Amino acid sequence: MSTLQATGPSILRIGFDPAAFAKLLPDQQQEFVRWYVARVLKGETSAVEEWERLGLKVDLRPWQR
């Protein structure tokens, strides 16, 4: 299982297909996305597979100036 975890300044890219994402109930969409984004912003781990179940593709990279 692949995980995301920010260990310093980072960039979180989220890719999505609106049609696939729209298949979930609106309340579920918002709650899940908030949950996963909050985990990454706090430096906690988040499984990539959790995002993919929502039809989201994610990539976490170090912030480079």
PDB file of N, CA and C in Angstrom:
ATOM      1  N   MET A   1       0.852  -1.179   0.000  1.00  0.00           N
ATOM      2  CA  MET A   1       0.000   0.000   0.000  1.00  0.00           C
ATOM      3  C   MET A   1       0.895   1.238   0.000  1.00  0.00           C
ATOM      4  N   SER A   2       0.642   2.134  -0.911  1.00  0.00           N
ATOM      5  CA  SER A   2       1.391   3.372  -1.018  1.00  0.00           C
ATOM      6  C   SER A   2       0.763   4.433  -0.119  1.00  0.00           C
ATOM      7  N   THR A   3       1.598   5.206   0.559  1.00  0.00           N
ATOM      8  CA  THR A   3       1.074   6.242   1.449  1.00  0.00           C
ATOM      9  C   THR A   3       1.681   7.601   1.123  1.00  0.00           C
ATOM     10  N   LEU A   4       0.966   8.622   1.517  1.00  0.00           N
ATOM     11  CA  LEU A   4       1.442   9.997   1.414  1.00  0.00           C
ATOM     12  C   LEU A   4       1.773  10.484   2.813  1.00  0.00           C
ATOM     13  N   GLN A   5       2.877  11.211   2.952  1.00  0.00           N
ATOM     14  CA  GLN A   5       3.173  11.867   4.217  1.00  0.00           C
ATOM     15  C   GLN A   5       4.135  13.009   3.950  1.00  0.00           C
ATOM     16  N   ALA A   6       3.710  14.202   4.275  1.00  0.00           N
ATOM     17  CA  ALA A   6       4.551  15.379   4.096  1.00  0.00           C
ATOM     18  C   ALA A   6       5.520  15.457   5.272  1.00  0.00           C
ATOM     19  N   THR A   7       6.811  15.547   4.976  1.00  0.00           N
ATOM     20  CA  THR A   7       7.817  15.650   6.028  1.00  0.00           C
ATOM     21  C   THR A   7       8.468  17.026   6.049  1.00  0.00           C
ATOM     22  N   GLY A   8       7.985  17.914   5.223  1.00  0.00           N
ATOM     23  CA  GLY A   8       8.482  19.284   5.138  1.00  0.00           C
ATOM     24  C   GLY A   8       7.579  20.039   4.179  1.00  0.00           C
ATOM     25  N   PRO A   9       7.991  21.226   3.753  1.00  0.00           N
ATOM     26  CA  PRO A   9       7.183  21.967   2.790  1.00  0.00           C
ATOM     27  C   PRO A   9       6.896  21.095   1.565  1.00  0.00           C
ATOM     28  N   SER A  10       5.630  21.015   1.185  1.00  0.00           N
ATOM     29  CA  SER A  10       5.224  20.079   0.143  1.00  0.00           C
ATOM     30  C   SER A  10       4.168  20.661  -0.779  1.00  0.00           C
ATOM     31  N   ILE A  11       4.002  19.984  -1.896  1.00  0.00           N
ATOM     32  CA  ILE A  11       2.939  20.295  -2.849  1.00  0.00           C
ATOM     33  C   ILE A  11       2.062  19.060  -2.966  1.00  0.00           C
ATOM     34  N   LEU A  12       0.756  19.222  -2.767  1.00  0.00           N
ATOM     35  CA  LEU A  12      -0.207  18.133  -2.931  1.00  0.00           C
ATOM     36  C   LEU A  12      -0.994  18.414  -4.201  1.00  0.00           C
ATOM     37  N   ARG A  13      -0.854  17.523  -5.177  1.00  0.00           N
ATOM     38  CA  ARG A  13      -1.614  17.658  -6.423  1.00  0.00           C
ATOM     39  C   ARG A  13      -2.750  16.648  -6.392  1.00  0.00           C
ATOM     40  N   ILE A  14      -3.938  17.110  -6.733  1.00  0.00           N
ATOM     41  CA  ILE A  14      -5.114  16.242  -6.770  1.00  0.00           C
ATOM     42  C   ILE A  14      -5.702  16.301  -8.167  1.00  0.00           C
ATOM     43  N   GLY A  15      -5.770  15.152  -8.815  1.00  0.00           N
ATOM     44  CA  GLY A  15      -6.392  15.055 -10.121  1.00  0.00           C
ATOM     45  C   GLY A  15      -7.711  14.309  -9.985  1.00  0.00           C
ATOM     46  N   PHE A  16      -8.689  14.661 -10.805  1.00  0.00           N
ATOM     47  CA  PHE A  16      -9.991  14.017 -10.661  1.00  0.00           C
ATOM     48  C   PHE A  16     -10.758  14.019 -11.967  1.00  0.00           C
ATOM     49  N   ASP A  17     -11.686  13.111 -12.052  1.00  0.00           N
ATOM     50  CA  ASP A  17     -12.627  13.043 -13.166  1.00  0.00           C
ATOM     51  C   ASP A  17     -13.982  13.433 -12.577  1.00  0.00           C
ATOM     52  N   PRO A  18     -14.537  14.573 -12.957  1.00  0.00           N
ATOM     53  CA  PRO A  18     -15.791  15.030 -12.371  1.00  0.00           C
ATOM     54  C   PRO A  18     -16.920  14.006 -12.467  1.00  0.00           C
ATOM     55  N   ALA A  19     -16.983  13.258 -13.565  1.00  0.00           N
ATOM     56  CA  ALA A  19     -18.055  12.273 -13.730  1.00  0.00           C
ATOM     57  C   ALA A  19     -17.922  11.144 -12.706  1.00  0.00           C
ATOM     58  N   ALA A  20     -16.704  10.673 -12.484  1.00  0.00           N
ATOM     59  CA  ALA A  20     -16.495   9.595 -11.509  1.00  0.00           C
ATOM     60  C   ALA A  20     -16.751  10.098 -10.092  1.00  0.00           C
ATOM     61  N   PHE A  21     -16.285  11.313  -9.795  1.00  0.00           N
ATOM     62  CA  PHE A  21     -16.456  11.869  -8.458  1.00  0.00           C
ATOM     63  C   PHE A  21     -17.920  12.137  -8.156  1.00  0.00           C
ATOM     64  N   ALA A  22     -18.694  12.491  -9.163  1.00  0.00           N
ATOM     65  CA  ALA A  22     -20.115  12.809  -8.988  1.00  0.00           C
ATOM     66  C   ALA A  22     -20.953  11.587  -8.612  1.00  0.00           C
ATOM     67  N   LYS A  23     -20.411  10.395  -8.752  1.00  0.00           N
ATOM     68  CA  LYS A  23     -21.158   9.176  -8.428  1.00  0.00           C
ATOM     69  C   LYS A  23     -21.376   9.013  -6.928  1.00  0.00           C
ATOM     70  N   LEU A  24     -20.563   9.673  -6.114  1.00  0.00           N
ATOM     71  CA  LEU A  24     -20.747   9.615  -4.662  1.00  0.00           C
ATOM     72  C   LEU A  24     -21.794  10.631  -4.237  1.00  0.00           C
ATOM     73  N   LEU A  25     -22.393  10.394  -3.106  1.00  0.00           N
ATOM     74  CA  LEU A  25     -23.339  11.369  -2.563  1.00  0.00           C
ATOM     75  C   LEU A  25     -22.584  12.643  -2.191  1.00  0.00           C
ATOM     76  N   PRO A  26     -23.173  13.813  -2.431  1.00  0.00           N
ATOM     77  CA  PRO A  26     -22.464  15.079  -2.163  1.00  0.00           C
ATOM     78  C   PRO A  26     -21.888  15.192  -0.746  1.00  0.00           C
ATOM     79  N   ASP A  27     -22.627  14.800   0.273  1.00  0.00           N
ATOM     80  CA  ASP A  27     -22.114  14.895   1.640  1.00  0.00           C
ATOM     81  C   ASP A  27     -20.907  13.994   1.835  1.00  0.00           C
ATOM     82  N   GLN A  28     -20.950  12.802   1.269  1.00  0.00           N
ATOM     83  CA  GLN A  28     -19.822  11.883   1.394  1.00  0.00           C
ATOM     84  C   GLN A  28     -18.586  12.444   0.700  1.00  0.00           C
ATOM     85  N   GLN A  29     -18.763  13.034  -0.478  1.00  0.00           N
ATOM     86  CA  GLN A  29     -17.642  13.615  -1.217  1.00  0.00           C
ATOM     87  C   GLN A  29     -16.921  14.643  -0.357  1.00  0.00           C
ATOM     88  N   GLN A  30     -17.683  15.577   0.153  1.00  0.00           N
ATOM     89  CA  GLN A  30     -17.092  16.668   0.925  1.00  0.00           C
ATOM     90  C   GLN A  30     -16.398  16.157   2.175  1.00  0.00           C
ATOM     91  N   GLU A  31     -17.037  15.272   2.893  1.00  0.00           N
ATOM     92  CA  GLU A  31     -16.472  14.775   4.144  1.00  0.00           C
ATOM     93  C   GLU A  31     -15.188  13.983   3.910  1.00  0.00           C
ATOM     94  N   PHE A  32     -15.188  13.099   2.924  1.00  0.00           N
ATOM     95  CA  PHE A  32     -13.997  12.303   2.633  1.00  0.00           C
ATOM     96  C   PHE A  32     -12.831  13.180   2.186  1.00  0.00           C
ATOM     97  N   VAL A  33     -13.095  14.111   1.290  1.00  0.00           N
ATOM     98  CA  VAL A  33     -12.022  14.974   0.797  1.00  0.00           C
ATOM     99  C   VAL A  33     -11.458  15.821   1.938  1.00  0.00           C
ATOM    100  N   ARG A  34     -12.316  16.384   2.764  1.00  0.00           N
ATOM    101  CA  ARG A  34     -11.840  17.165   3.921  1.00  0.00           C
ATOM    102  C   ARG A  34     -10.961  16.314   4.827  1.00  0.00           C
ATOM    103  N   TRP A  35     -11.395  15.091   5.097  1.00  0.00           N
ATOM    104  CA  TRP A  35     -10.676  14.175   5.976  1.00  0.00           C
ATOM    105  C   TRP A  35      -9.283  13.886   5.434  1.00  0.00           C
ATOM    106  N   TYR A  36      -9.200  13.517   4.150  1.00  0.00           N
ATOM    107  CA  TYR A  36      -7.911  13.151   3.570  1.00  0.00           C
ATOM    108  C   TYR A  36      -6.974  14.352   3.445  1.00  0.00           C
ATOM    109  N   VAL A  37      -7.491  15.494   3.032  1.00  0.00           N
ATOM    110  CA  VAL A  37      -6.655  16.691   2.911  1.00  0.00           C
ATOM    111  C   VAL A  37      -6.147  17.107   4.291  1.00  0.00           C
ATOM    112  N   ALA A  38      -7.007  17.084   5.289  1.00  0.00           N
ATOM    113  CA  ALA A  38      -6.593  17.469   6.645  1.00  0.00           C
ATOM    114  C   ALA A  38      -5.475  16.564   7.153  1.00  0.00           C
ATOM    115  N   ARG A  39      -5.566  15.282   6.883  1.00  0.00           N
ATOM    116  CA  ARG A  39      -4.515  14.356   7.319  1.00  0.00           C
ATOM    117  C   ARG A  39      -3.169  14.718   6.693  1.00  0.00           C
ATOM    118  N   VAL A  40      -3.179  14.980   5.407  1.00  0.00           N
ATOM    119  CA  VAL A  40      -1.927  15.322   4.720  1.00  0.00           C
ATOM    120  C   VAL A  40      -1.388  16.657   5.236  1.00  0.00           C
ATOM    121  N   LEU A  41      -2.266  17.650   5.424  1.00  0.00           N
ATOM    122  CA  LEU A  41      -1.814  18.961   5.894  1.00  0.00           C
ATOM    123  C   LEU A  41      -1.228  18.901   7.305  1.00  0.00           C
ATOM    124  N   LYS A  42      -1.685  17.947   8.102  1.00  0.00           N
ATOM    125  CA  LYS A  42      -1.157  17.797   9.462  1.00  0.00           C
ATOM    126  C   LYS A  42       0.093  16.932   9.506  1.00  0.00           C
ATOM    127  N   GLY A  43       0.541  16.416   8.348  1.00  0.00           N
ATOM    128  CA  GLY A  43       1.742  15.581   8.317  1.00  0.00           C
ATOM    129  C   GLY A  43       1.481  14.131   8.668  1.00  0.00           C
ATOM    130  N   GLU A  44       0.213  13.744   8.760  1.00  0.00           N
ATOM    131  CA  GLU A  44      -0.138  12.351   9.038  1.00  0.00           C
ATOM    132  C   GLU A  44      -0.089  11.556   7.731  1.00  0.00           C
ATOM    133  N   THR A  45      -0.081  10.248   7.845  1.00  0.00           N
ATOM    134  CA  THR A  45      -0.073   9.434   6.632  1.00  0.00           C
ATOM    135  C   THR A  45      -1.490   9.263   6.093  1.00  0.00           C
ATOM    136  N   SER A  46      -1.550   9.103   4.793  1.00  0.00           N
ATOM    137  CA  SER A  46      -2.823   8.883   4.107  1.00  0.00           C
ATOM    138  C   SER A  46      -2.555   7.897   2.981  1.00  0.00           C
ATOM    139  N   ALA A  47      -3.324   6.832   2.922  1.00  0.00           N
ATOM    140  CA  ALA A  47      -3.127   5.810   1.895  1.00  0.00           C
ATOM    141  C   ALA A  47      -3.634   6.305   0.544  1.00  0.00           C
ATOM    142  N   VAL A  48      -2.814   6.145  -0.469  1.00  0.00           N
ATOM    143  CA  VAL A  48      -3.190   6.554  -1.822  1.00  0.00           C
ATOM    144  C   VAL A  48      -4.465   5.833  -2.260  1.00  0.00           C
ATOM    145  N   GLU A  49      -4.615   4.594  -1.860  1.00  0.00           N
ATOM    146  CA  GLU A  49      -5.795   3.811  -2.238  1.00  0.00           C
ATOM    147  C   GLU A  49      -7.086   4.437  -1.719  1.00  0.00           C
ATOM    148  N   GLU A  50      -7.021   5.101  -0.562  1.00  0.00           N
ATOM    149  CA  GLU A  50      -8.214   5.771  -0.030  1.00  0.00           C
ATOM    150  C   GLU A  50      -8.676   6.867  -0.986  1.00  0.00           C
ATOM    151  N   TRP A  51      -7.730   7.619  -1.513  1.00  0.00           N
ATOM    152  CA  TRP A  51      -8.049   8.690  -2.465  1.00  0.00           C
ATOM    153  C   TRP A  51      -8.599   8.094  -3.755  1.00  0.00           C
ATOM    154  N   GLU A  52      -7.965   7.006  -4.214  1.00  0.00           N
ATOM    155  CA  GLU A  52      -8.368   6.392  -5.478  1.00  0.00           C
ATOM    156  C   GLU A  52      -9.796   5.851  -5.424  1.00  0.00           C
ATOM    157  N   ARG A  53     -10.241   5.415  -4.260  1.00  0.00           N
ATOM    158  CA  ARG A  53     -11.628   4.948  -4.121  1.00  0.00           C
ATOM    159  C   ARG A  53     -12.632   6.061  -4.394  1.00  0.00           C
ATOM    160  N   LEU A  54     -12.198   7.299  -4.214  1.00  0.00           N
ATOM    161  CA  LEU A  54     -13.046   8.458  -4.504  1.00  0.00           C
ATOM    162  C   LEU A  54     -12.887   8.929  -5.947  1.00  0.00           C
ATOM    163  N   GLY A  55     -12.056   8.230  -6.714  1.00  0.00           N
ATOM    164  CA  GLY A  55     -11.809   8.642  -8.087  1.00  0.00           C
ATOM    165  C   GLY A  55     -10.784   9.760  -8.188  1.00  0.00           C
ATOM    166  N   LEU A  56      -9.988   9.960  -7.123  1.00  0.00           N
ATOM    167  CA  LEU A  56      -8.978  11.019  -7.092  1.00  0.00           C
ATOM    168  C   LEU A  56      -7.591  10.431  -7.264  1.00  0.00           C
ATOM    169  N   LYS A  57      -6.760  11.109  -7.999  1.00  0.00           N
ATOM    170  CA  LYS A  57      -5.356  10.738  -8.159  1.00  0.00           C
ATOM    171  C   LYS A  57      -4.544  11.787  -7.410  1.00  0.00           C
ATOM    172  N   VAL A  58      -3.626  11.349  -6.576  1.00  0.00           N
ATOM    173  CA  VAL A  58      -2.854  12.287  -5.771  1.00  0.00           C
ATOM    174  C   VAL A  58      -1.353  12.080  -5.949  1.00  0.00           C
ATOM    175  N   ASP A  59      -0.644  13.163  -5.726  1.00  0.00           N
ATOM    176  CA  ASP A  59       0.801  13.163  -5.823  1.00  0.00           C
ATOM    177  C   ASP A  59       1.315  14.163  -4.802  1.00  0.00           C
ATOM    178  N   LEU A  60       2.251  13.751  -3.980  1.00  0.00           N
ATOM    179  CA  LEU A  60       2.834  14.623  -2.962  1.00  0.00           C
ATOM    180  C   LEU A  60       4.309  14.777  -3.279  1.00  0.00           C
ATOM    181  N   ARG A  61       4.729  16.026  -3.415  1.00  0.00           N
ATOM    182  CA  ARG A  61       6.123  16.302  -3.763  1.00  0.00           C
ATOM    183  C   ARG A  61       6.690  17.359  -2.841  1.00  0.00           C
ATOM    184  N   PRO A  62       7.994  17.327  -2.638  1.00  0.00           N
ATOM    185  CA  PRO A  62       8.616  18.404  -1.856  1.00  0.00           C
ATOM    186  C   PRO A  62       8.466  19.739  -2.565  1.00  0.00           C
ATOM    187  N   TRP A  63       8.298  20.777  -1.789  1.00  0.00           N
ATOM    188  CA  TRP A  63       8.205  22.131  -2.339  1.00  0.00           C
ATOM    189  C   TRP A  63       9.600  22.556  -2.774  1.00  0.00           C
ATOM    190  N   GLN A  64       9.739  22.929  -4.036  1.00  0.00           N
ATOM    191  CA  GLN A  64      11.042  23.377  -4.539  1.00  0.00           C
ATOM    192  C   GLN A  64      10.907  24.783  -5.043  1.00  0.00           C
ATOM    193  N   ARG A  65      11.767  25.633  -4.593  1.00  0.00           N
ATOM    194  CA  ARG A  65      11.699  27.057  -4.981  1.00  0.00           C
ATOM    195  C   ARG A  65      12.500  27.309  -6.212  1.00  0.00           C
TER     196      ARG A  65
END
